[in-house]
Amino acid sequence: MRREGTMQADRPRRASAMKNWRYIALHSVTAAAFIFLLQRYALSATLESALLWALTFGGCAAGLAYSQSNR
């Protein structure tokens, strides 16, 4: 007797890899947008400063999401 779930273990897992990259990108963009809006409008920072912080936080969020997705 053969179960349907046993055949999936033999196939490559490319679909799950794409989900991980989408998750990382979404996490990064969300963190960057949040910190940009916070810096620019709530804290009245300059545009250059807000963009720099957004880039920094987006990169950190991408690194965190990448490390979590590989656990």
C-alpha atoms as a PDB file:
ATOM      1  CA  MET A   1       0.000   0.000   0.000  1.00  0.00           C
ATOM      2  CA  ARG A   2       1.395   3.357  -1.024  1.00  0.00           C
ATOM      3  CA  ARG A   3       0.378   6.729   0.331  1.00  0.00           C
ATOM      4  CA  GLU A   4       0.141   9.867  -1.773  1.00  0.00           C
ATOM      5  CA  GLY A   5       2.381  11.874   0.571  1.00  0.00           C
ATOM      6  CA  THR A   6       5.409   9.653   0.090  1.00  0.00           C
ATOM      7  CA  MET A   7       5.918  10.693  -3.551  1.00  0.00           C
ATOM      8  CA  GLN A   8       6.489  14.342  -2.646  1.00  0.00           C
ATOM      9  CA  ALA A   9       9.719  13.598  -0.814  1.00  0.00           C
ATOM     10  CA  ASP A  10      11.407  12.573  -4.082  1.00  0.00           C
ATOM     11  CA  ARG A  11      10.573  15.801  -5.931  1.00  0.00           C
ATOM     12  CA  PRO A  12      12.751  18.893  -5.788  1.00  0.00           C
ATOM     13  CA  ARG A  13      11.498  21.598  -3.461  1.00  0.00           C
ATOM     14  CA  ARG A  14      11.750  24.647  -5.722  1.00  0.00           C
ATOM     15  CA  ALA A  15       8.299  25.953  -4.806  1.00  0.00           C
ATOM     16  CA  SER A  16       9.247  26.289  -1.153  1.00  0.00           C
ATOM     17  CA  ALA A  17      12.433  28.140  -2.090  1.00  0.00           C
ATOM     18  CA  MET A  18      10.383  30.705  -4.006  1.00  0.00           C
ATOM     19  CA  LYS A  19       8.131  31.168  -0.987  1.00  0.00           C
ATOM     20  CA  ASN A  20      11.199  31.849   1.138  1.00  0.00           C
ATOM     21  CA  TRP A  21      12.488  34.548  -1.220  1.00  0.00           C
ATOM     22  CA  ARG A  22       9.057  36.153  -1.405  1.00  0.00           C
ATOM     23  CA  TYR A  23       8.886  36.125   2.379  1.00  0.00           C
ATOM     24  CA  ILE A  24      12.319  37.720   2.660  1.00  0.00           C
ATOM     25  CA  ALA A  25      11.485  40.421   0.116  1.00  0.00           C
ATOM     26  CA  LEU A  26       8.139  41.173   1.744  1.00  0.00           C
ATOM     27  CA  HIS A  27       9.738  41.378   5.173  1.00  0.00           C
ATOM     28  CA  SER A  28      12.433  43.723   3.904  1.00  0.00           C
ATOM     29  CA  VAL A  29      10.065  46.048   2.030  1.00  0.00           C
ATOM     30  CA  THR A  30       7.647  46.208   4.943  1.00  0.00           C
ATOM     31  CA  ALA A  31      10.364  47.073   7.444  1.00  0.00           C
ATOM     32  CA  ALA A  32      11.864  49.699   5.125  1.00  0.00           C
ATOM     33  CA  ALA A  33       8.477  51.318   4.471  1.00  0.00           C
ATOM     34  CA  PHE A  34       7.635  51.354   8.161  1.00  0.00           C
ATOM     35  CA  ILE A  35      10.884  52.962   9.256  1.00  0.00           C
ATOM     36  CA  PHE A  36      10.759  55.465   6.368  1.00  0.00           C
ATOM     37  CA  LEU A  37       7.265  56.604   7.320  1.00  0.00           C
ATOM     38  CA  LEU A  38       8.200  56.737  10.982  1.00  0.00           C
ATOM     39  CA  GLN A  39      11.359  58.759  10.382  1.00  0.00           C
ATOM     40  CA  ARG A  40       9.943  61.071   7.745  1.00  0.00           C
ATOM     41  CA  TYR A  41       6.532  61.945   9.148  1.00  0.00           C
ATOM     42  CA  ALA A  42       6.459  61.030  12.840  1.00  0.00           C
ATOM     43  CA  LEU A  43       9.982  62.204  13.664  1.00  0.00           C
ATOM     44  CA  SER A  44      10.279  64.881  10.925  1.00  0.00           C
ATOM     45  CA  ALA A  45      13.657  63.683   9.686  1.00  0.00           C
ATOM     46  CA  THR A  46      15.153  64.825   6.389  1.00  0.00           C
ATOM     47  CA  LEU A  47      14.487  62.812   3.255  1.00  0.00           C
ATOM     48  CA  GLU A  48      18.108  61.647   3.015  1.00  0.00           C
ATOM     49  CA  SER A  49      18.176  60.513   6.620  1.00  0.00           C
ATOM     50  CA  ALA A  50      14.850  58.694   6.328  1.00  0.00           C
ATOM     51  CA  LEU A  51      15.994  56.896   3.181  1.00  0.00           C
ATOM     52  CA  LEU A  52      19.273  55.888   4.790  1.00  0.00           C
ATOM     53  CA  TRP A  53      17.483  54.479   7.823  1.00  0.00           C
ATOM     54  CA  ALA A  54      14.977  52.704   5.578  1.00  0.00           C
ATOM     55  CA  LEU A  55      17.788  51.085   3.606  1.00  0.00           C
ATOM     56  CA  THR A  56      19.547  50.031   6.803  1.00  0.00           C
ATOM     57  CA  PHE A  57      16.459  48.559   8.422  1.00  0.00           C
ATOM     58  CA  GLY A  58      15.405  46.873   5.175  1.00  0.00           C
ATOM     59  CA  GLY A  59      18.790  45.176   4.931  1.00  0.00           C
ATOM     60  CA  CYS A  60      18.669  44.069   8.551  1.00  0.00           C
ATOM     61  CA  ALA A  61      15.133  42.750   8.104  1.00  0.00           C
ATOM     62  CA  ALA A  62      16.205  40.820   5.003  1.00  0.00           C
ATOM     63  CA  GLY A  63      19.093  39.259   6.925  1.00  0.00           C
ATOM     64  CA  LEU A  64      16.827  38.320   9.801  1.00  0.00           C
ATOM     65  CA  ALA A  65      14.180  36.819   7.513  1.00  0.00           C
ATOM     66  CA  TYR A  66      16.871  34.879   5.624  1.00  0.00           C
ATOM     67  CA  SER A  67      18.286  33.425   8.818  1.00  0.00           C
ATOM     68  CA  GLN A  68      14.816  32.483  10.059  1.00  0.00           C
ATOM     69  CA  SER A  69      13.826  30.840   6.783  1.00  0.00           C
ATOM     70  CA  ASN A  70      16.894  28.575   6.868  1.00  0.00           C
ATOM     71  CA  ARG A  71      16.164  27.126  10.300  1.00  0.00           C
END
